[in-house]
PDB file of N, CA and C in Angstrom:
ATOM      1  N   UNK A   1      24.875 167.869   5.654  1.00  0.00           N
ATOM      2  CA  UNK A   1      24.314 166.690   5.069  1.00  0.00           C
ATOM      3  C   UNK A   1      23.202 166.169   5.984  1.00  0.00           C
ATOM      4  N   UNK A   2      21.989 166.171   5.525  1.00  0.00           N
ATOM      5  CA  UNK A   2      20.876 165.720   6.343  1.00  0.00           C
ATOM      6  C   UNK A   2      20.389 164.359   5.878  1.00  0.00           C
ATOM      7  N   UNK A   3      19.632 163.707   6.733  1.00  0.00           N
ATOM      8  CA  UNK A   3      19.110 162.395   6.388  1.00  0.00           C
ATOM      9  C   UNK A   3      18.059 162.506   5.299  1.00  0.00           C
ATOM     10  N   UNK A   4      18.074 161.550   4.371  1.00  0.00           N
ATOM     11  CA  UNK A   4      17.110 161.558   3.282  1.00  0.00           C
ATOM     12  C   UNK A   4      15.772 161.049   3.775  1.00  0.00           C
ATOM     13  N   UNK A   5      14.701 161.705   3.367  1.00  0.00           N
ATOM     14  CA  UNK A   5      13.356 161.271   3.701  1.00  0.00           C
ATOM     15  C   UNK A   5      12.810 160.496   2.504  1.00  0.00           C
ATOM     16  N   UNK A   6      12.414 159.260   2.729  1.00  0.00           N
ATOM     17  CA  UNK A   6      11.844 158.446   1.666  1.00  0.00           C
ATOM     18  C   UNK A   6      10.330 158.577   1.713  1.00  0.00           C
ATOM     19  N   UNK A   7       9.733 158.863   0.570  1.00  0.00           N
ATOM     20  CA  UNK A   7       8.280 158.998   0.498  1.00  0.00           C
ATOM     21  C   UNK A   7       7.643 157.662   0.222  1.00  0.00           C
ATOM     22  N   UNK A   8       6.465 157.475   0.765  1.00  0.00           N
ATOM     23  CA  UNK A   8       5.725 156.235   0.610  1.00  0.00           C
ATOM     24  C   UNK A   8       4.990 156.226  -0.732  1.00  0.00           C
ATOM     25  N   UNK A   9       4.803 155.031  -1.273  1.00  0.00           N
ATOM     26  CA  UNK A   9       4.030 154.899  -2.503  1.00  0.00           C
ATOM     27  C   UNK A   9       2.607 155.390  -2.253  1.00  0.00           C
ATOM     28  N   UNK A  10       2.058 156.160  -3.188  1.00  0.00           N
ATOM     29  CA  UNK A  10       0.717 156.750  -3.085  1.00  0.00           C
ATOM     30  C   UNK A  10       0.572 157.645  -1.854  1.00  0.00           C
ATOM     31  N   UNK A  11       1.631 158.359  -1.485  1.00  0.00           N
ATOM     32  CA  UNK A  11       1.569 159.197  -0.287  1.00  0.00           C
ATOM     33  C   UNK A  11       0.606 160.371  -0.479  1.00  0.00           C
ATOM     34  N   UNK A  12       0.268 160.688  -1.720  1.00  0.00           N
ATOM     35  CA  UNK A  12      -0.714 161.739  -1.962  1.00  0.00           C
ATOM     36  C   UNK A  12      -2.125 161.268  -1.616  1.00  0.00           C
ATOM     37  N   UNK A  13      -2.346 159.954  -1.553  1.00  0.00           N
ATOM     38  CA  UNK A  13      -3.661 159.409  -1.216  1.00  0.00           C
ATOM     39  C   UNK A  13      -3.754 158.947   0.239  1.00  0.00           C
ATOM     40  N   UNK A  14      -2.602 158.634   0.832  1.00  0.00           N
ATOM     41  CA  UNK A  14      -2.592 158.103   2.200  1.00  0.00           C
ATOM     42  C   UNK A  14      -2.440 159.264   3.196  1.00  0.00           C
ATOM     43  N   UNK A  15      -2.949 159.055   4.399  1.00  0.00           N
ATOM     44  CA  UNK A  15      -2.844 160.111   5.408  1.00  0.00           C
ATOM     45  C   UNK A  15      -1.541 160.011   6.185  1.00  0.00           C
ATOM     46  N   UNK A  16      -1.048 158.797   6.438  1.00  0.00           N
ATOM     47  CA  UNK A  16       0.192 158.627   7.189  1.00  0.00           C
ATOM     48  C   UNK A  16       1.379 158.702   6.242  1.00  0.00           C
ATOM     49  N   UNK A  17       2.457 159.349   6.704  1.00  0.00           N
ATOM     50  CA  UNK A  17       3.637 159.510   5.866  1.00  0.00           C
ATOM     51  C   UNK A  17       4.733 158.502   6.169  1.00  0.00           C
ATOM     52  N   UNK A  18       4.521 157.609   7.145  1.00  0.00           N
ATOM     53  CA  UNK A  18       5.587 156.695   7.526  1.00  0.00           C
ATOM     54  C   UNK A  18       5.884 155.710   6.390  1.00  0.00           C
ATOM     55  N   UNK A  19       7.146 155.321   6.294  1.00  0.00           N
ATOM     56  CA  UNK A  19       7.613 154.469   5.207  1.00  0.00           C
ATOM     57  C   UNK A  19       7.047 153.061   5.340  1.00  0.00           C
ATOM     58  N   UNK A  20       6.572 152.517   4.235  1.00  0.00           N
ATOM     59  CA  UNK A  20       6.203 151.109   4.134  1.00  0.00           C
ATOM     60  C   UNK A  20       6.685 150.595   2.790  1.00  0.00           C
ATOM     61  N   UNK A  21       7.109 149.375   2.773  1.00  0.00           N
ATOM     62  CA  UNK A  21       7.620 148.790   1.537  1.00  0.00           C
ATOM     63  C   UNK A  21       6.480 148.562   0.553  1.00  0.00           C
ATOM     64  N   UNK A  22       6.645 148.968  -0.725  1.00  0.00           N
ATOM     65  CA  UNK A  22       5.604 148.704  -1.723  1.00  0.00           C
ATOM     66  C   UNK A  22       5.545 147.222  -2.061  1.00  0.00           C
ATOM     67  N   UNK A  23       4.324 146.637  -2.005  1.00  0.00           N
ATOM     68  CA  UNK A  23       4.185 145.202  -2.213  1.00  0.00           C
ATOM     69  C   UNK A  23       3.266 144.838  -3.373  1.00  0.00           C
ATOM     70  N   UNK A  24       2.818 145.803  -4.128  1.00  0.00           N
ATOM     71  CA  UNK A  24       1.890 145.513  -5.209  1.00  0.00           C
ATOM     72  C   UNK A  24       2.510 144.689  -6.326  1.00  0.00           C
ATOM     73  N   UNK A  25       1.701 143.858  -6.969  1.00  0.00           N
ATOM     74  CA  UNK A  25       2.184 142.986  -8.042  1.00  0.00           C
ATOM     75  C   UNK A  25       2.707 143.798  -9.229  1.00  0.00           C
ATOM     76  N   UNK A  26       2.003 144.878  -9.570  1.00  0.00           N
ATOM     77  CA  UNK A  26       2.383 145.712 -10.714  1.00  0.00           C
ATOM     78  C   UNK A  26       3.116 146.985 -10.305  1.00  0.00           C
ATOM     79  N   UNK A  27       3.528 147.092  -9.076  1.00  0.00           N
ATOM     80  CA  UNK A  27       4.113 148.325  -8.545  1.00  0.00           C
ATOM     81  C   UNK A  27       5.413 148.695  -9.252  1.00  0.00           C
ATOM     82  N   UNK A  28       5.420 149.872  -9.881  1.00  0.00           N
ATOM     83  CA  UNK A  28       6.633 150.342 -10.561  1.00  0.00           C
ATOM     84  C   UNK A  28       7.710 150.701  -9.549  1.00  0.00           C
ATOM     85  N   UNK A  29       7.281 151.172  -8.383  1.00  0.00           N
ATOM     86  CA  UNK A  29       8.243 151.538  -7.352  1.00  0.00           C
ATOM     87  C   UNK A  29       8.951 150.293  -6.811  1.00  0.00           C
ATOM     88  N   UNK A  30       8.204 149.200  -6.618  1.00  0.00           N
ATOM     89  CA  UNK A  30       8.799 147.949  -6.143  1.00  0.00           C
ATOM     90  C   UNK A  30       9.780 147.397  -7.160  1.00  0.00           C
ATOM     91  N   UNK A  31       9.454 147.570  -8.449  1.00  0.00           N
ATOM     92  CA  UNK A  31      10.319 147.063  -9.512  1.00  0.00           C
ATOM     93  C   UNK A  31      11.503 147.988  -9.799  1.00  0.00           C
ATOM     94  N   UNK A  32      11.541 149.135  -9.099  1.00  0.00           N
ATOM     95  CA  UNK A  32      12.628 150.116  -9.228  1.00  0.00           C
ATOM     96  C   UNK A  32      12.763 150.628 -10.656  1.00  0.00           C
ATOM     97  N   UNK A  33      11.639 150.992 -11.246  1.00  0.00           N
ATOM     98  CA  UNK A  33      11.637 151.546 -12.603  1.00  0.00           C
ATOM     99  C   UNK A  33      12.198 152.957 -12.605  1.00  0.00           C
ATOM    100  N   UNK A  34      12.748 153.347 -13.745  1.00  0.00           N
ATOM    101  CA  UNK A  34      13.318 154.677 -13.895  1.00  0.00           C
ATOM    102  C   UNK A  34      12.237 155.740 -13.721  1.00  0.00           C
ATOM    103  N   UNK A  35      12.558 156.817 -13.018  1.00  0.00           N
ATOM    104  CA  UNK A  35      11.619 157.912 -12.839  1.00  0.00           C
ATOM    105  C   UNK A  35      10.698 157.749 -11.642  1.00  0.00           C
ATOM    106  N   UNK A  36      10.778 156.614 -10.958  1.00  0.00           N
ATOM    107  CA  UNK A  36       9.947 156.393  -9.773  1.00  0.00           C
ATOM    108  C   UNK A  36      10.722 156.801  -8.521  1.00  0.00           C
ATOM    109  N   UNK A  37      10.025 156.804  -7.394  1.00  0.00           N
ATOM    110  CA  UNK A  37      10.668 157.190  -6.139  1.00  0.00           C
ATOM    111  C   UNK A  37      11.720 156.169  -5.721  1.00  0.00           C
ATOM    112  N   UNK A  38      12.718 156.657  -5.005  1.00  0.00           N
ATOM    113  CA  UNK A  38      13.789 155.793  -4.516  1.00  0.00           C
ATOM    114  C   UNK A  38      13.342 155.069  -3.252  1.00  0.00           C
ATOM    115  N   UNK A  39      13.885 153.863  -3.065  1.00  0.00           N
ATOM    116  CA  UNK A  39      13.600 153.079  -1.871  1.00  0.00           C
ATOM    117  C   UNK A  39      14.891 152.905  -1.077  1.00  0.00           C
ATOM    118  N   UNK A  40      14.780 152.823   0.255  1.00  0.00           N
ATOM    119  CA  UNK A  40      15.989 152.565   1.037  1.00  0.00           C
ATOM    120  C   UNK A  40      16.529 151.170   0.776  1.00  0.00           C
ATOM    121  N   UNK A  41      17.844 151.045   0.769  1.00  0.00           N
ATOM    122  CA  UNK A  41      18.487 149.757   0.532  1.00  0.00           C
ATOM    123  C   UNK A  41      19.379 149.430   1.736  1.00  0.00           C
ATOM    124  N   UNK A  42      19.767 148.157   1.909  1.00  0.00           N
ATOM    125  CA  UNK A  42      20.618 147.809   3.047  1.00  0.00           C
ATOM    126  C   UNK A  42      21.914 148.617   3.022  1.00  0.00           C
ATOM    127  N   UNK A  43      22.298 149.134   4.176  1.00  0.00           N
ATOM    128  CA  UNK A  43      23.521 149.920   4.284  1.00  0.00           C
ATOM    129  C   UNK A  43      23.322 151.381   3.989  1.00  0.00           C
ATOM    130  N   UNK A  44      22.081 151.812   3.739  1.00  0.00           N
ATOM    131  CA  UNK A  44      21.836 153.209   3.404  1.00  0.00           C
ATOM    132  C   UNK A  44      22.265 154.149   4.515  1.00  0.00           C
ATOM    133  N   UNK A  45      21.947 153.809   5.763  1.00  0.00           N
ATOM    134  CA  UNK A  45      22.185 154.724   6.875  1.00  0.00           C
ATOM    135  C   UNK A  45      23.615 154.770   7.367  1.00  0.00           C
ATOM    136  N   UNK A  46      24.516 154.020   6.779  1.00  0.00           N
ATOM    137  CA  UNK A  46      25.891 153.958   7.290  1.00  0.00           C
ATOM    138  C   UNK A  46      26.562 155.330   7.321  1.00  0.00           C
ATOM    139  N   UNK A  47      26.442 156.079   6.249  1.00  0.00           N
ATOM    140  CA  UNK A  47      27.127 157.369   6.197  1.00  0.00           C
ATOM    141  C   UNK A  47      26.500 158.381   7.147  1.00  0.00           C
ATOM    142  N   UNK A  48      25.223 158.197   7.481  1.00  0.00           N
ATOM    143  CA  UNK A  48      24.531 159.140   8.349  1.00  0.00           C
ATOM    144  C   UNK A  48      24.392 158.636   9.771  1.00  0.00           C
ATOM    145  N   UNK A  49      24.958 157.481  10.096  1.00  0.00           N
ATOM    146  CA  UNK A  49      24.746 156.879  11.409  1.00  0.00           C
ATOM    147  C   UNK A  49      25.299 157.767  12.515  1.00  0.00           C
ATOM    148  N   UNK A  50      24.491 158.034  13.515  1.00  0.00           N
ATOM    149  CA  UNK A  50      24.911 158.867  14.641  1.00  0.00           C
ATOM    150  C   UNK A  50      24.833 160.350  14.370  1.00  0.00           C
ATOM    151  N   UNK A  51      24.276 160.742  13.237  1.00  0.00           N
ATOM    152  CA  UNK A  51      24.210 162.150  12.876  1.00  0.00           C
ATOM    153  C   UNK A  51      22.967 162.807  13.480  1.00  0.00           C
ATOM    154  N   UNK A  52      23.143 164.012  13.974  1.00  0.00           N
ATOM    155  CA  UNK A  52      22.038 164.810  14.505  1.00  0.00           C
ATOM    156  C   UNK A  52      21.212 165.329  13.324  1.00  0.00           C
ATOM    157  N   UNK A  53      19.901 165.545  13.496  1.00  0.00           N
ATOM    158  CA  UNK A  53      19.085 166.057  12.385  1.00  0.00           C
ATOM    159  C   UNK A  53      19.570 167.380  11.793  1.00  0.00           C
ATOM    160  N   UNK A  54      20.377 168.131  12.546  1.00  0.00           N
ATOM    161  CA  UNK A  54      20.920 169.391  12.032  1.00  0.00           C
ATOM    162  C   UNK A  54      22.007 169.155  10.988  1.00  0.00           C
ATOM    163  N   UNK A  55      22.498 167.920  10.883  1.00  0.00           N
ATOM    164  CA  UNK A  55      23.522 167.609   9.893  1.00  0.00           C
ATOM    165  C   UNK A  55      24.921 167.541  10.477  1.00  0.00           C
ATOM    166  N   UNK A  56      25.048 167.649  11.798  1.00  0.00           N
ATOM    167  CA  UNK A  56      26.342 167.573  12.471  1.00  0.00           C
ATOM    168  C   UNK A  56      26.417 166.291  13.299  1.00  0.00           C
ATOM    169  N   UNK A  57      27.632 165.834  13.537  1.00  0.00           N
ATOM    170  CA  UNK A  57      27.848 164.736  14.470  1.00  0.00           C
ATOM    171  C   UNK A  57      28.023 165.328  15.864  1.00  0.00           C
ATOM    172  N   UNK A  58      27.413 164.697  16.872  1.00  0.00           N
ATOM    173  CA  UNK A  58      27.461 165.214  18.239  1.00  0.00           C
ATOM    174  C   UNK A  58      28.757 164.798  18.932  1.00  0.00           C
ATOM    175  N   UNK A  59      29.321 165.745  19.707  1.00  0.00           N
ATOM    176  CA  UNK A  59      30.477 165.458  20.536  1.00  0.00           C
ATOM    177  C   UNK A  59      30.153 165.967  21.935  1.00  0.00           C
ATOM    178  N   UNK A  60      30.243 165.091  22.939  1.00  0.00           N
ATOM    179  CA  UNK A  60      29.945 165.464  24.307  1.00  0.00           C
ATOM    180  C   UNK A  60      31.109 166.265  24.876  1.00  0.00           C
ATOM    181  N   UNK A  61      30.800 167.446  25.435  1.00  0.00           N
ATOM    182  CA  UNK A  61      31.822 168.347  25.957  1.00  0.00           C
ATOM    183  C   UNK A  61      31.662 168.460  27.471  1.00  0.00           C
ATOM    184  N   UNK A  62      32.748 168.158  28.206  1.00  0.00           N
ATOM    185  CA  UNK A  62      32.719 168.244  29.667  1.00  0.00           C
ATOM    186  C   UNK A  62      33.573 169.401  30.185  1.00  0.00           C
ATOM    187  N   UNK A  63      34.517 169.895  29.365  1.00  0.00           N
ATOM    188  CA  UNK A  63      35.346 171.038  29.752  1.00  0.00           C
ATOM    189  C   UNK A  63      35.812 171.768  28.492  1.00  0.00           C
ATOM    190  N   UNK A  64      36.518 172.879  28.694  1.00  0.00           N
ATOM    191  CA  UNK A  64      36.944 173.702  27.553  1.00  0.00           C
ATOM    192  C   UNK A  64      37.972 172.996  26.677  1.00  0.00           C
ATOM    193  N   UNK A  65      38.733 172.071  27.255  1.00  0.00           N
ATOM    194  CA  UNK A  65      39.736 171.334  26.481  1.00  0.00           C
ATOM    195  C   UNK A  65      39.084 170.454  25.401  1.00  0.00           C
ATOM    196  N   UNK A  66      37.876 169.956  25.693  1.00  0.00           N
ATOM    197  CA  UNK A  66      37.183 169.100  24.726  1.00  0.00           C
ATOM    198  C   UNK A  66      36.791 169.859  23.465  1.00  0.00           C
ATOM    199  N   UNK A  67      36.634 171.182  23.570  1.00  0.00           N
ATOM    200  CA  UNK A  67      36.254 171.991  22.397  1.00  0.00           C
ATOM    201  C   UNK A  67      37.358 172.016  21.345  1.00  0.00           C
ATOM    202  N   UNK A  68      38.615 171.860  21.777  1.00  0.00           N
ATOM    203  CA  UNK A  68      39.746 171.916  20.843  1.00  0.00           C
ATOM    204  C   UNK A  68      39.766 170.712  19.896  1.00  0.00           C
ATOM    205  N   UNK A  69      39.117 169.621  20.307  1.00  0.00           N
ATOM    206  CA  UNK A  69      39.123 168.405  19.497  1.00  0.00           C
ATOM    207  C   UNK A  69      38.032 168.403  18.428  1.00  0.00           C
ATOM    208  N   UNK A  70      37.146 169.410  18.431  1.00  0.00           N
ATOM    209  CA  UNK A  70      35.983 169.432  17.541  1.00  0.00           C
ATOM    210  C   UNK A  70      36.327 170.082  16.204  1.00  0.00           C
ATOM    211  N   UNK A  71      35.877 169.448  15.118  1.00  0.00           N
ATOM    212  CA  UNK A  71      35.972 170.019  13.779  1.00  0.00           C
ATOM    213  C   UNK A  71      34.684 170.797  13.516  1.00  0.00           C
ATOM    214  N   UNK A  72      34.719 172.141  13.449  1.00  0.00           N
ATOM    215  CA  UNK A  72      33.491 172.940  13.362  1.00  0.00           C
ATOM    216  C   UNK A  72      32.658 172.698  12.102  1.00  0.00           C
ATOM    217  N   UNK A  73      33.245 172.162  11.043  1.00  0.00           N
ATOM    218  CA  UNK A  73      32.490 171.937   9.811  1.00  0.00           C
ATOM    219  C   UNK A  73      31.619 170.691   9.888  1.00  0.00           C
ATOM    220  N   UNK A  74      32.065 169.664  10.622  1.00  0.00           N
ATOM    221  CA  UNK A  74      31.353 168.388  10.662  1.00  0.00           C
ATOM    222  C   UNK A  74      30.710 168.087  12.008  1.00  0.00           C
ATOM    223  N   UNK A  75      31.250 168.648  13.089  1.00  0.00           N
ATOM    224  CA  UNK A  75      30.815 168.268  14.429  1.00  0.00           C
ATOM    225  C   UNK A  75      30.236 169.449  15.192  1.00  0.00           C
ATOM    226  N   UNK A  76      29.332 169.137  16.112  1.00  0.00           N
ATOM    227  CA  UNK A  76      28.730 170.143  16.987  1.00  0.00           C
ATOM    228  C   UNK A  76      28.866 169.670  18.424  1.00  0.00           C
ATOM    229  N   UNK A  77      28.880 170.615  19.354  1.00  0.00           N
ATOM    230  CA  UNK A  77      29.083 170.296  20.766  1.00  0.00           C
ATOM    231  C   UNK A  77      27.754 170.087  21.476  1.00  0.00           C
ATOM    232  N   UNK A  78      27.725 169.092  22.349  1.00  0.00           N
ATOM    233  CA  UNK A  78      26.615 168.911  23.276  1.00  0.00           C
ATOM    234  C   UNK A  78      27.229 168.993  24.672  1.00  0.00           C
ATOM    235  N   UNK A  79      26.827 170.018  25.433  1.00  0.00           N
ATOM    236  CA  UNK A  79      27.396 170.249  26.753  1.00  0.00           C
ATOM    237  C   UNK A  79      26.795 169.257  27.745  1.00  0.00           C
ATOM    238  N   UNK A  80      27.641 168.667  28.568  1.00  0.00           N
ATOM    239  CA  UNK A  80      27.214 167.672  29.547  1.00  0.00           C
ATOM    240  C   UNK A  80      26.219 168.282  30.531  1.00  0.00           C
ATOM    241  N   UNK A  81      25.202 167.502  30.905  1.00  0.00           N
ATOM    242  CA  UNK A  81      24.171 168.003  31.817  1.00  0.00           C
ATOM    243  C   UNK A  81      24.654 168.049  33.257  1.00  0.00           C
ATOM    244  N   UNK A  82      25.806 167.444  33.543  1.00  0.00           N
ATOM    245  CA  UNK A  82      26.330 167.412  34.901  1.00  0.00           C
ATOM    246  C   UNK A  82      27.048 168.704  35.284  1.00  0.00           C
ATOM    247  N   UNK A  83      27.278 169.581  34.314  1.00  0.00           N
ATOM    248  CA  UNK A  83      28.011 170.822  34.590  1.00  0.00           C
ATOM    249  C   UNK A  83      27.108 171.874  35.211  1.00  0.00           C
ATOM    250  N   UNK A  84      27.721 172.776  35.986  1.00  0.00           N
ATOM    251  CA  UNK A  84      26.981 173.876  36.585  1.00  0.00           C
ATOM    252  C   UNK A  84      26.835 175.037  35.619  1.00  0.00           C
ATOM    253  N   UNK A  85      26.184 176.091  36.097  1.00  0.00           N
ATOM    254  CA  UNK A  85      25.890 177.246  35.254  1.00  0.00           C
ATOM    255  C   UNK A  85      27.118 178.025  34.816  1.00  0.00           C
ATOM    256  N   UNK A  86      28.063 178.263  35.729  1.00  0.00           N
ATOM    257  CA  UNK A  86      29.254 179.056  35.398  1.00  0.00           C
ATOM    258  C   UNK A  86      30.096 178.370  34.325  1.00  0.00           C
ATOM    259  N   UNK A  87      30.321 177.078  34.523  1.00  0.00           N
ATOM    260  CA  UNK A  87      31.159 176.336  33.579  1.00  0.00           C
ATOM    261  C   UNK A  87      30.471 176.240  32.214  1.00  0.00           C
ATOM    262  N   UNK A  88      29.147 176.072  32.225  1.00  0.00           N
ATOM    263  CA  UNK A  88      28.392 176.002  30.976  1.00  0.00           C
ATOM    264  C   UNK A  88      28.513 177.306  30.198  1.00  0.00           C
ATOM    265  N   UNK A  89      28.390 178.437  30.899  1.00  0.00           N
ATOM    266  CA  UNK A  89      28.518 179.746  30.248  1.00  0.00           C
ATOM    267  C   UNK A  89      29.909 179.940  29.656  1.00  0.00           C
ATOM    268  N   UNK A  90      30.944 179.516  30.381  1.00  0.00           N
ATOM    269  CA  UNK A  90      32.315 179.629  29.865  1.00  0.00           C
ATOM    270  C   UNK A  90      32.480 178.823  28.582  1.00  0.00           C
ATOM    271  N   UNK A  91      31.932 177.609  28.589  1.00  0.00           N
ATOM    272  CA  UNK A  91      32.053 176.741  27.414  1.00  0.00           C
ATOM    273  C   UNK A  91      31.298 177.338  26.228  1.00  0.00           C
ATOM    274  N   UNK A  92      30.118 177.917  26.474  1.00  0.00           N
ATOM    275  CA  UNK A  92      29.342 178.533  25.392  1.00  0.00           C
ATOM    276  C   UNK A  92      30.077 179.727  24.793  1.00  0.00           C
ATOM    277  N   UNK A  93      30.694 180.561  25.647  1.00  0.00           N
ATOM    278  CA  UNK A  93      31.457 181.717  25.151  1.00  0.00           C
ATOM    279  C   UNK A  93      32.644 181.252  24.300  1.00  0.00           C
ATOM    280  N   UNK A  94      33.342 180.240  24.793  1.00  0.00           N
ATOM    281  CA  UNK A  94      34.506 179.715  24.070  1.00  0.00           C
ATOM    282  C   UNK A  94      34.078 179.104  22.724  1.00  0.00           C
ATOM    283  N   UNK A  95      32.930 178.433  22.719  1.00  0.00           N
ATOM    284  CA  UNK A  95      32.422 177.830  21.483  1.00  0.00           C
ATOM    285  C   UNK A  95      32.062 178.912  20.466  1.00  0.00           C
ATOM    286  N   UNK A  96      31.498 180.029  20.925  1.00  0.00           N
ATOM    287  CA  UNK A  96      31.182 181.138  20.019  1.00  0.00           C
ATOM    288  C   UNK A  96      32.448 181.721  19.400  1.00  0.00           C
ATOM    289  N   UNK A  97      33.504 181.834  20.192  1.00  0.00           N
ATOM    290  CA  UNK A  97      34.779 182.348  19.675  1.00  0.00           C
ATOM    291  C   UNK A  97      35.342 181.422  18.599  1.00  0.00           C
ATOM    292  N   UNK A  98      35.226 180.101  18.840  1.00  0.00           N
ATOM    293  CA  UNK A  98      35.774 179.120  17.910  1.00  0.00           C
ATOM    294  C   UNK A  98      34.795 178.790  16.771  1.00  0.00           C
ATOM    295  N   UNK A  99      33.599 179.418  16.787  1.00  0.00           N
ATOM    296  CA  UNK A  99      32.550 179.207  15.786  1.00  0.00           C
ATOM    297  C   UNK A  99      32.106 177.744  15.732  1.00  0.00           C
ATOM    298  N   UNK A 100      31.863 177.185  16.922  1.00  0.00           N
ATOM    299  CA  UNK A 100      31.372 175.818  17.055  1.00  0.00           C
ATOM    300  C   UNK A 100      29.907 175.887  17.434  1.00  0.00           C
ATOM    301  N   UNK A 101      29.080 175.092  16.767  1.00  0.00           N
ATOM    302  CA  UNK A 101      27.647 175.065  17.072  1.00  0.00           C
ATOM    303  C   UNK A 101      27.417 174.263  18.348  1.00  0.00           C
ATOM    304  N   UNK A 102      26.572 174.812  19.237  1.00  0.00           N
ATOM    305  CA  UNK A 102      26.191 174.122  20.474  1.00  0.00           C
ATOM    306  C   UNK A 102      24.757 173.653  20.319  1.00  0.00           C
ATOM    307  N   UNK A 103      24.512 172.359  20.545  1.00  0.00           N
ATOM    308  CA  UNK A 103      23.187 171.783  20.309  1.00  0.00           C
ATOM    309  C   UNK A 103      22.210 171.995  21.461  1.00  0.00           C
ATOM    310  N   UNK A 104      22.721 172.200  22.690  1.00  0.00           N
ATOM    311  CA  UNK A 104      21.808 172.390  23.813  1.00  0.00           C
ATOM    312  C   UNK A 104      22.125 173.665  24.580  1.00  0.00           C
TER     313      UNK A 104
END
């Protein structure tokens, strides 16, 4: 599940793609007419909050025991930067066996 990208009104004419609220008096998008582009509403990001762009939730891993707590369908591992090379390699091998995605 990835984050939804909202397109700006008249994005085919504008050079910047960043979201801005439509403010035109006759704007069909502002009036939320059928068949027009969707606009973000309050609470939209709740289901995606804290999600990595890959579509997984990040879990910080400091040792091999932390890998057992991860659900491979929804979560991905981020290995702590404080670990050395040997321990990092062990964790990566174990993650491959358990079919867990490693983000770094």
